[in-house]
C-alpha atoms as a PDB file:
ATOM      1  CA  MET A   1       0.014  -0.002  -0.034  1.00  0.00           C
ATOM      2  CA  ASN A   2       1.339   3.396  -0.883  1.00  0.00           C
ATOM      3  CA  SER A   3       0.335   6.935  -1.882  1.00  0.00           C
ATOM      4  CA  ASP A   4      -0.697   5.710  -5.359  1.00  0.00           C
ATOM      5  CA  ILE A   5      -3.607   3.651  -3.820  1.00  0.00           C
ATOM      6  CA  LEU A   6      -4.615   6.602  -1.623  1.00  0.00           C
ATOM      7  CA  SER A   7      -4.727   8.776  -4.769  1.00  0.00           C
ATOM      8  CA  GLN A   8      -6.818   6.185  -6.586  1.00  0.00           C
ATOM      9  CA  ILE A   9      -9.268   6.076  -3.673  1.00  0.00           C
ATOM     10  CA  ALA A  10      -9.536   9.837  -3.589  1.00  0.00           C
ATOM     11  CA  SER A  11     -10.549   9.993  -7.252  1.00  0.00           C
ATOM     12  CA  SER A  12     -12.765   6.862  -7.182  1.00  0.00           C
ATOM     13  CA  ARG A  13     -16.518   6.657  -7.153  1.00  0.00           C
ATOM     14  CA  PRO A  14     -17.232   3.446  -5.343  1.00  0.00           C
ATOM     15  CA  THR A  15     -20.792   1.979  -5.698  1.00  0.00           C
ATOM     16  CA  ILE A  16     -22.268  -0.062  -2.838  1.00  0.00           C
ATOM     17  CA  LYS A  17     -23.748  -3.298  -4.097  1.00  0.00           C
ATOM     18  CA  PHE A  18     -24.518  -4.864  -0.747  1.00  0.00           C
ATOM     19  CA  CYS A  19     -24.411  -3.671   2.866  1.00  0.00           C
ATOM     20  CA  SER A  20     -25.658  -5.530   5.913  1.00  0.00           C
ATOM     21  CA  LEU A  21     -25.043  -6.415   9.537  1.00  0.00           C
ATOM     22  CA  PHE A  22     -25.659 -10.032  10.563  1.00  0.00           C
ATOM     23  CA  ASN A  23     -24.534 -12.759  12.885  1.00  0.00           C
ATOM     24  CA  GLY A  24     -23.303 -16.321  12.292  1.00  0.00           C
ATOM     25  CA  LEU A  25     -26.816 -17.761  12.280  1.00  0.00           C
ATOM     26  CA  SER A  26     -28.067 -15.547   9.475  1.00  0.00           C
ATOM     27  CA  PRO A  27     -28.824 -17.202   6.109  1.00  0.00           C
ATOM     28  CA  LEU A  28     -26.895 -14.279   4.635  1.00  0.00           C
ATOM     29  CA  TRP A  29     -23.629 -15.813   5.841  1.00  0.00           C
ATOM     30  CA  ASP A  30     -22.030 -17.981   3.190  1.00  0.00           C
ATOM     31  CA  TYR A  31     -19.876 -20.732   4.699  1.00  0.00           C
ATOM     32  CA  SER A  32     -18.964 -22.290   1.397  1.00  0.00           C
ATOM     33  CA  LEU A  33     -15.867 -21.499  -0.696  1.00  0.00           C
ATOM     34  CA  HIS A  34     -16.905 -18.501  -2.697  1.00  0.00           C
ATOM     35  CA  SER A  35     -15.881 -15.235  -4.303  1.00  0.00           C
ATOM     36  CA  HIS A  36     -17.611 -12.046  -5.347  1.00  0.00           C
ATOM     37  CA  PRO A  37     -17.463  -9.873  -8.499  1.00  0.00           C
ATOM     38  CA  TYR A  38     -16.888  -6.917  -6.125  1.00  0.00           C
ATOM     39  CA  MET A  39     -14.472  -5.905  -3.443  1.00  0.00           C
ATOM     40  CA  GLU A  40     -15.747  -7.238  -0.126  1.00  0.00           C
ATOM     41  CA  LEU A  41     -15.110  -5.608   3.223  1.00  0.00           C
ATOM     42  CA  ILE A  42     -15.920  -7.422   6.519  1.00  0.00           C
ATOM     43  CA  TYR A  43     -15.783  -5.814   9.906  1.00  0.00           C
ATOM     44  CA  ARG A  44     -15.756  -8.397  12.686  1.00  0.00           C
ATOM     45  CA  LYS A  45     -17.902  -6.798  15.326  1.00  0.00           C
ATOM     46  CA  LYS A  46     -18.011  -9.949  17.530  1.00  0.00           C
ATOM     47  CA  GLY A  47     -16.347 -13.302  17.623  1.00  0.00           C
ATOM     48  CA  PHE A  48     -13.293 -14.897  16.286  1.00  0.00           C
ATOM     49  CA  GLY A  49     -12.272 -17.711  13.871  1.00  0.00           C
ATOM     50  CA  LYS A  50     -10.357 -18.242  10.629  1.00  0.00           C
ATOM     51  CA  THR A  51     -10.880 -17.785   6.930  1.00  0.00           C
ATOM     52  CA  ALA A  52      -9.380 -20.214   4.403  1.00  0.00           C
ATOM     53  CA  LEU A  53      -7.952 -18.668   1.225  1.00  0.00           C
ATOM     54  CA  LEU A  54      -6.677 -20.624  -1.741  1.00  0.00           C
ATOM     55  CA  ASN A  55      -3.111 -20.470  -0.590  1.00  0.00           C
ATOM     56  CA  ASP A  56      -3.305 -19.132   2.946  1.00  0.00           C
ATOM     57  CA  THR A  57      -5.286 -18.940   6.176  1.00  0.00           C
ATOM     58  CA  GLN A  58      -6.384 -15.785   7.946  1.00  0.00           C
ATOM     59  CA  ASN A  59      -7.068 -15.938  11.737  1.00  0.00           C
ATOM     60  CA  PHE A  60      -9.338 -13.108  12.875  1.00  0.00           C
ATOM     61  CA  VAL A  61     -10.747 -11.690  16.097  1.00  0.00           C
ATOM     62  CA  PHE A  62     -13.382  -9.009  16.785  1.00  0.00           C
ATOM     63  CA  PHE A  63     -12.501  -5.531  15.511  1.00  0.00           C
ATOM     64  CA  ASP A  64     -10.584  -6.963  12.603  1.00  0.00           C
ATOM     65  CA  THR A  65     -11.390  -5.685   9.132  1.00  0.00           C
ATOM     66  CA  LEU A  66     -10.794  -8.029   6.186  1.00  0.00           C
ATOM     67  CA  VAL A  67     -10.788  -6.729   2.595  1.00  0.00           C
ATOM     68  CA  TYR A  68     -11.038  -9.267  -0.228  1.00  0.00           C
ATOM     69  CA  PRO A  69     -10.188  -8.217  -3.843  1.00  0.00           C
ATOM     70  CA  MET A  70     -12.721  -8.895  -6.565  1.00  0.00           C
ATOM     71  CA  GLY A  71     -12.734 -12.579  -7.365  1.00  0.00           C
ATOM     72  CA  CYS A  72     -10.801 -13.614  -4.238  1.00  0.00           C
ATOM     73  CA  TRP A  73     -11.790 -17.149  -3.171  1.00  0.00           C
ATOM     74  CA  HIS A  74     -12.337 -17.530   0.570  1.00  0.00           C
ATOM     75  CA  GLN A  75     -14.218 -19.662   3.070  1.00  0.00           C
ATOM     76  CA  ASP A  76     -15.146 -18.752   6.663  1.00  0.00           C
ATOM     77  CA  LYS A  77     -14.542 -21.562   9.169  1.00  0.00           C
ATOM     78  CA  PHE A  78     -16.005 -20.999  12.650  1.00  0.00           C
ATOM     79  CA  GLU A  79     -19.000 -22.027  14.684  1.00  0.00           C
ATOM     80  CA  ALA A  80     -22.256 -20.654  13.399  1.00  0.00           C
ATOM     81  CA  SER A  81     -23.585 -18.662  16.354  1.00  0.00           C
ATOM     82  CA  GLU A  82     -24.739 -15.244  17.530  1.00  0.00           C
ATOM     83  CA  GLU A  83     -21.287 -14.799  18.991  1.00  0.00           C
ATOM     84  CA  ASN A  84     -19.985 -13.994  15.496  1.00  0.00           C
ATOM     85  CA  GLU A  85     -21.333 -10.758  14.140  1.00  0.00           C
ATOM     86  CA  ALA A  86     -20.065  -8.639  11.271  1.00  0.00           C
ATOM     87  CA  TYR A  87     -20.751  -5.753   8.938  1.00  0.00           C
ATOM     88  CA  CYS A  88     -20.457  -6.863   5.310  1.00  0.00           C
ATOM     89  CA  LEU A  89     -19.933  -4.371   2.473  1.00  0.00           C
ATOM     90  CA  TRP A  90     -19.526  -5.007  -1.293  1.00  0.00           C
ATOM     91  CA  LEU A  91     -18.057  -2.230  -3.393  1.00  0.00           C
ATOM     92  CA  ASP A  92     -17.888  -1.894  -7.141  1.00  0.00           C
ATOM     93  CA  ILE A  93     -14.618  -0.015  -7.349  1.00  0.00           C
ATOM     94  CA  PRO A  94     -12.620  -1.213 -10.418  1.00  0.00           C
ATOM     95  CA  CYS A  95     -10.149   1.712 -10.361  1.00  0.00           C
ATOM     96  CA  VAL A  96      -8.661   0.545  -7.032  1.00  0.00           C
ATOM     97  CA  PRO A  97      -7.330  -2.923  -7.792  1.00  0.00           C
ATOM     98  CA  LEU A  98      -5.992  -5.106  -4.955  1.00  0.00           C
ATOM     99  CA  ASP A  99      -3.594  -7.971  -5.627  1.00  0.00           C
ATOM    100  CA  LYS A 100      -4.123  -9.675  -2.229  1.00  0.00           C
ATOM    101  CA  PRO A 101      -6.429  -9.476   0.775  1.00  0.00           C
ATOM    102  CA  ILE A 102      -5.870  -6.879   3.520  1.00  0.00           C
ATOM    103  CA  GLN A 103      -6.352  -7.476   7.215  1.00  0.00           C
ATOM    104  CA  VAL A 104      -6.181  -4.679   9.800  1.00  0.00           C
ATOM    105  CA  GLN A 105      -7.231  -4.245  13.432  1.00  0.00           C
ATOM    106  CA  ASP A 106      -9.420  -1.341  14.323  1.00  0.00           C
ATOM    107  CA  HIS A 107      -7.939   1.483  16.474  1.00  0.00           C
ATOM    108  CA  GLY A 108     -10.222   3.363  18.864  1.00  0.00           C
ATOM    109  CA  GLY A 109     -13.365   2.324  17.052  1.00  0.00           C
ATOM    110  CA  ARG A 110     -12.637   4.426  13.947  1.00  0.00           C
ATOM    111  CA  LEU A 111     -13.355   1.737  11.408  1.00  0.00           C
ATOM    112  CA  GLU A 112     -16.437   0.588  13.316  1.00  0.00           C
ATOM    113  CA  PHE A 113     -17.724   4.212  13.128  1.00  0.00           C
ATOM    114  CA  PHE A 114     -17.474   4.221   9.300  1.00  0.00           C
ATOM    115  CA  PHE A 115     -19.035   0.737   8.922  1.00  0.00           C
ATOM    116  CA  ARG A 116     -21.883   1.622  11.185  1.00  0.00           C
ATOM    117  CA  TYR A 117     -22.451   5.025   9.632  1.00  0.00           C
ATOM    118  CA  ILE A 118     -22.475   3.559   6.094  1.00  0.00           C
ATOM    119  CA  TYR A 119     -24.772   0.743   7.137  1.00  0.00           C
ATOM    120  CA  GLU A 120     -27.284   3.080   8.877  1.00  0.00           C
ATOM    121  CA  GLU A 121     -27.227   5.552   5.938  1.00  0.00           C
ATOM    122  CA  TYR A 122     -27.594   2.714   3.339  1.00  0.00           C
ATOM    123  CA  GLN A 123     -30.693   1.367   5.147  1.00  0.00           C
ATOM    124  CA  ASN A 124     -32.277   4.781   5.101  1.00  0.00           C
ATOM    125  CA  SER A 125     -34.978   5.207   2.410  1.00  0.00           C
ATOM    126  CA  THR A 126     -33.664   8.742   1.781  1.00  0.00           C
ATOM    127  CA  ALA A 127     -30.020   7.820   1.819  1.00  0.00           C
ATOM    128  CA  SER A 128     -27.643  10.398   0.296  1.00  0.00           C
ATOM    129  CA  PRO A 129     -25.497   8.924  -2.538  1.00  0.00           C
ATOM    130  CA  GLU A 130     -22.968  11.654  -2.085  1.00  0.00           C
ATOM    131  CA  LEU A 131     -22.666  11.025   1.635  1.00  0.00           C
ATOM    132  CA  LEU A 132     -22.227   7.278   1.035  1.00  0.00           C
ATOM    133  CA  LEU A 133     -19.585   8.030  -1.534  1.00  0.00           C
ATOM    134  CA  GLN A 134     -17.595  10.225   0.871  1.00  0.00           C
ATOM    135  CA  LEU A 135     -17.983   7.671   3.708  1.00  0.00           C
ATOM    136  CA  THR A 136     -16.770   4.747   1.632  1.00  0.00           C
ATOM    137  CA  ARG A 137     -13.784   6.779   0.425  1.00  0.00           C
ATOM    138  CA  ALA A 138     -12.932   7.679   3.992  1.00  0.00           C
ATOM    139  CA  LEU A 139     -13.321   4.096   5.161  1.00  0.00           C
ATOM    140  CA  LEU A 140     -10.995   2.777   2.469  1.00  0.00           C
ATOM    141  CA  THR A 141      -8.439   5.540   3.220  1.00  0.00           C
ATOM    142  CA  GLN A 142      -8.496   4.670   6.927  1.00  0.00           C
ATOM    143  CA  ILE A 143      -8.048   0.976   6.169  1.00  0.00           C
ATOM    144  CA  VAL A 144      -4.971   1.733   3.970  1.00  0.00           C
ATOM    145  CA  LEU A 145      -3.485   3.982   6.606  1.00  0.00           C
ATOM    146  CA  PHE A 146      -3.969   1.389   9.272  1.00  0.00           C
ATOM    147  CA  SER A 147      -2.350  -1.256   7.080  1.00  0.00           C
ATOM    148  CA  GLN A 148       0.837   0.880   7.016  1.00  0.00           C
ATOM    149  CA  GLU A 149       0.994   1.105  10.843  1.00  0.00           C
ATOM    150  CA  LYS A 150       2.460  -1.373  13.337  1.00  0.00           C
ATOM    151  CA  GLU A 151       0.123  -4.080  14.532  1.00  0.00           C
ATOM    152  CA  PRO A 152      -1.764  -3.087  17.724  1.00  0.00           C
ATOM    153  CA  THR A 153      -0.437  -4.774  20.921  1.00  0.00           C
ATOM    154  CA  THR A 154      -2.520  -7.001  23.195  1.00  0.00           C
ATOM    155  CA  VAL A 155      -2.949  -3.967  25.461  1.00  0.00           C
ATOM    156  CA  ASP A 156      -4.295  -1.855  22.520  1.00  0.00           C
ATOM    157  CA  ARG A 157      -6.831  -4.556  21.795  1.00  0.00           C
ATOM    158  CA  VAL A 158      -7.833  -4.831  25.524  1.00  0.00           C
ATOM    159  CA  ILE A 159      -8.322  -1.049  25.678  1.00  0.00           C
ATOM    160  CA  GLN A 160     -10.669  -1.097  22.732  1.00  0.00           C
ATOM    161  CA  TYR A 161     -12.537  -4.057  24.265  1.00  0.00           C
ATOM    162  CA  LEU A 162     -12.980  -2.065  27.464  1.00  0.00           C
ATOM    163  CA  HIS A 163     -14.451   0.886  25.519  1.00  0.00           C
ATOM    164  CA  VAL A 164     -16.859  -1.298  23.563  1.00  0.00           C
ATOM    165  CA  HIS A 165     -17.865  -3.431  26.608  1.00  0.00           C
ATOM    166  CA  MET A 166     -17.784  -0.664  29.217  1.00  0.00           C
ATOM    167  CA  THR A 167     -21.260  -1.491  30.562  1.00  0.00           C
ATOM    168  CA  ASP A 168     -20.604  -5.173  30.943  1.00  0.00           C
ATOM    169  CA  LYS A 169     -19.275  -6.970  34.008  1.00  0.00           C
ATOM    170  CA  ILE A 170     -15.689  -7.435  32.808  1.00  0.00           C
ATOM    171  CA  THR A 171     -13.367  -9.787  34.696  1.00  0.00           C
ATOM    172  CA  LEU A 172      -9.658 -10.489  34.358  1.00  0.00           C
ATOM    173  CA  ASP A 173     -10.472 -14.173  33.584  1.00  0.00           C
ATOM    174  CA  GLU A 174     -12.657 -13.062  30.702  1.00  0.00           C
ATOM    175  CA  LEU A 175      -9.952 -10.788  29.204  1.00  0.00           C
ATOM    176  CA  VAL A 176      -7.306 -13.595  29.545  1.00  0.00           C
ATOM    177  CA  SER A 177      -9.725 -16.023  27.758  1.00  0.00           C
ATOM    178  CA  VAL A 178     -10.635 -13.571  24.981  1.00  0.00           C
ATOM    179  CA  PHE A 179      -7.117 -12.494  24.204  1.00  0.00           C
ATOM    180  CA  PHE A 180      -5.374 -15.827  24.697  1.00  0.00           C
ATOM    181  CA  THR A 181      -2.830 -14.497  27.165  1.00  0.00           C
ATOM    182  CA  SER A 182      -1.850 -15.024  30.833  1.00  0.00           C
ATOM    183  CA  LYS A 183      -2.981 -12.986  33.870  1.00  0.00           C
ATOM    184  CA  SER A 184       0.626 -12.056  34.767  1.00  0.00           C
ATOM    185  CA  PHE A 185       1.432 -10.885  31.269  1.00  0.00           C
ATOM    186  CA  LEU A 186      -1.711  -8.867  30.906  1.00  0.00           C
ATOM    187  CA  VAL A 187      -1.558  -7.255  34.323  1.00  0.00           C
ATOM    188  CA  LYS A 188       2.109  -6.356  33.968  1.00  0.00           C
ATOM    189  CA  HIS A 189       2.010  -5.046  30.440  1.00  0.00           C
ATOM    190  CA  PHE A 190      -1.265  -3.094  30.824  1.00  0.00           C
ATOM    191  CA  LYS A 191       0.208  -1.219  33.754  1.00  0.00           C
ATOM    192  CA  GLN A 192       3.516  -0.584  31.863  1.00  0.00           C
ATOM    193  CA  GLU A 193       1.770   0.768  28.734  1.00  0.00           C
ATOM    194  CA  THR A 194      -1.026   2.797  30.415  1.00  0.00           C
ATOM    195  CA  GLY A 195       0.217   3.644  33.850  1.00  0.00           C
ATOM    196  CA  LYS A 196      -3.040   2.277  35.296  1.00  0.00           C
ATOM    197  CA  THR A 197      -4.442  -1.050  36.311  1.00  0.00           C
ATOM    198  CA  ILE A 198      -7.194  -2.558  34.192  1.00  0.00           C
ATOM    199  CA  ILE A 199      -9.856  -1.646  36.669  1.00  0.00           C
ATOM    200  CA  GLU A 200      -8.588   1.862  37.015  1.00  0.00           C
ATOM    201  CA  TYR A 201      -8.695   2.308  33.236  1.00  0.00           C
ATOM    202  CA  LEU A 202     -12.160   0.877  33.056  1.00  0.00           C
ATOM    203  CA  ASN A 203     -13.352   3.189  35.841  1.00  0.00           C
ATOM    204  CA  ASN A 204     -11.941   6.161  34.020  1.00  0.00           C
ATOM    205  CA  ILE A 205     -13.831   5.216  30.786  1.00  0.00           C
ATOM    206  CA  ARG A 206     -17.022   4.836  32.782  1.00  0.00           C
ATOM    207  CA  ILE A 207     -16.620   8.104  34.734  1.00  0.00           C
ATOM    208  CA  ASP A 208     -15.734  10.041  31.541  1.00  0.00           C
ATOM    209  CA  THR A 209     -18.990   8.791  30.020  1.00  0.00           C
ATOM    210  CA  ALA A 210     -20.837   9.587  33.204  1.00  0.00           C
ATOM    211  CA  LYS A 211     -19.596  13.132  33.166  1.00  0.00           C
ATOM    212  CA  MET A 212     -20.841  13.609  29.642  1.00  0.00           C
ATOM    213  CA  LEU A 213     -24.272  12.173  30.588  1.00  0.00           C
ATOM    214  CA  LEU A 214     -24.443  14.424  33.595  1.00  0.00           C
ATOM    215  CA  MET A 215     -23.720  17.454  31.450  1.00  0.00           C
ATOM    216  CA  THR A 216     -25.935  16.646  28.461  1.00  0.00           C
ATOM    217  CA  THR A 217     -28.930  14.680  29.780  1.00  0.00           C
ATOM    218  CA  THR A 218     -31.581  14.921  32.564  1.00  0.00           C
ATOM    219  CA  LYS A 219     -30.905  11.427  33.839  1.00  0.00           C
ATOM    220  CA  SER A 220     -30.588  10.982  37.536  1.00  0.00           C
ATOM    221  CA  VAL A 221     -27.309  10.001  39.171  1.00  0.00           C
ATOM    222  CA  GLU A 222     -28.802   6.555  39.842  1.00  0.00           C
ATOM    223  CA  GLU A 223     -29.828   6.100  36.188  1.00  0.00           C
ATOM    224  CA  ILE A 224     -26.415   7.170  34.996  1.00  0.00           C
ATOM    225  CA  ALA A 225     -24.686   4.794  37.427  1.00  0.00           C
ATOM    226  CA  TYR A 226     -26.507   1.794  35.899  1.00  0.00           C
ATOM    227  CA  ALA A 227     -26.075   3.236  32.324  1.00  0.00           C
ATOM    228  CA  VAL A 228     -22.291   3.185  32.592  1.00  0.00           C
ATOM    229  CA  GLY A 229     -21.958  -0.282  34.062  1.00  0.00           C
ATOM    230  CA  TYR A 230     -22.161   0.048  37.837  1.00  0.00           C
ATOM    231  CA  GLU A 231     -24.546  -2.200  39.811  1.00  0.00           C
ATOM    232  CA  SER A 232     -24.586   0.085  42.883  1.00  0.00           C
ATOM    233  CA  PRO A 233     -25.211   3.909  42.703  1.00  0.00           C
ATOM    234  CA  LYS A 234     -23.370   4.255  46.029  1.00  0.00           C
ATOM    235  CA  TYR A 235     -20.328   2.489  44.603  1.00  0.00           C
ATOM    236  CA  PHE A 236     -20.591   4.684  41.483  1.00  0.00           C
ATOM    237  CA  ALA A 237     -20.622   7.845  43.618  1.00  0.00           C
ATOM    238  CA  ARG A 238     -17.546   6.699  45.530  1.00  0.00           C
ATOM    239  CA  ILE A 239     -15.572   5.912  42.354  1.00  0.00           C
ATOM    240  CA  PHE A 240     -16.744   9.193  40.729  1.00  0.00           C
ATOM    241  CA  LYS A 241     -15.491  11.208  43.681  1.00  0.00           C
ATOM    242  CA  SER A 242     -12.095   9.332  43.690  1.00  0.00           C
ATOM    243  CA  VAL A 243     -11.640  10.083  40.018  1.00  0.00           C
ATOM    244  CA  VAL A 244     -13.130  13.589  39.641  1.00  0.00           C
ATOM    245  CA  GLY A 245     -12.557  14.877  43.213  1.00  0.00           C
ATOM    246  CA  ILE A 246     -16.170  15.778  43.909  1.00  0.00           C
ATOM    247  CA  SER A 247     -19.485  13.888  44.047  1.00  0.00           C
ATOM    248  CA  PRO A 248     -21.705  13.439  40.945  1.00  0.00           C
ATOM    249  CA  SER A 249     -24.303  15.830  42.518  1.00  0.00           C
ATOM    250  CA  ALA A 250     -21.625  18.466  43.199  1.00  0.00           C
ATOM    251  CA  PHE A 251     -20.373  18.004  39.666  1.00  0.00           C
ATOM    252  CA  CYS A 252     -23.853  18.683  38.291  1.00  0.00           C
ATOM    253  CA  ARG A 253     -24.224  21.871  40.437  1.00  0.00           C
ATOM    254  CA  GLN A 254     -20.806  22.985  39.311  1.00  0.00           C
ATOM    255  CA  GLN A 255     -21.700  22.617  35.671  1.00  0.00           C
ATOM    256  CA  LYS A 256     -25.074  24.207  36.115  1.00  0.00           C
ATOM    257  CA  HIS A 257     -23.653  27.359  37.710  1.00  0.00           C
ATOM    258  CA  GLY A 258     -20.566  27.417  35.440  1.00  0.00           C
ATOM    259  CA  GLN A 259     -18.140  27.322  38.299  1.00  0.00           C
END
């Protein structure tokens, strides 16, 4: 990938031939060896598995984006279940030829944003062709840029997982299982790379979201506590004060009076 491809993308006019979001139980998922007359982009929103190519095998996990050139033969091999979910996008874009598949890991949810935005706009009965054009160009550009960067570390992947699953009850055992690592490795390297423990980092994500909700909604402190993943409003208030320095109620009064 180089500047020539970026230039080709910038001058291209990709046409969307198919765009959907479905899980592994959907009849839309083709588990046979197949190819498409279009460029296919898959964003793995949930799950993990592998895809067999004619001369290779791709292992993938959630947040991976896979791009298959027109006519590329491939076959997904994983358990058909709701635990596998993906955005699928077919683009007719002959002026941007690929000679092999691309696989990149999302960073900070940027690719997920474009896939979701394209999907939601495409489903709209009053979808704007010009907006879809600009979004698909931006998505392809971001994929190319990501393909030129270093692979994200396990900690990078865990951080994105924490953002996406902020409201879930996340445990260290779960993270170790999902990312095929050891507790000692994850605990040590997460602290080294972020300066925080995993629970401290998760609390910061939740409290940042809570602050935004306190400033922009009329939800009560209790409602916000549950909305950001805490089972106890009292525990939420204690964590909020330890992170922000004041209670949620005091934070609201401060924002209201502009102090």
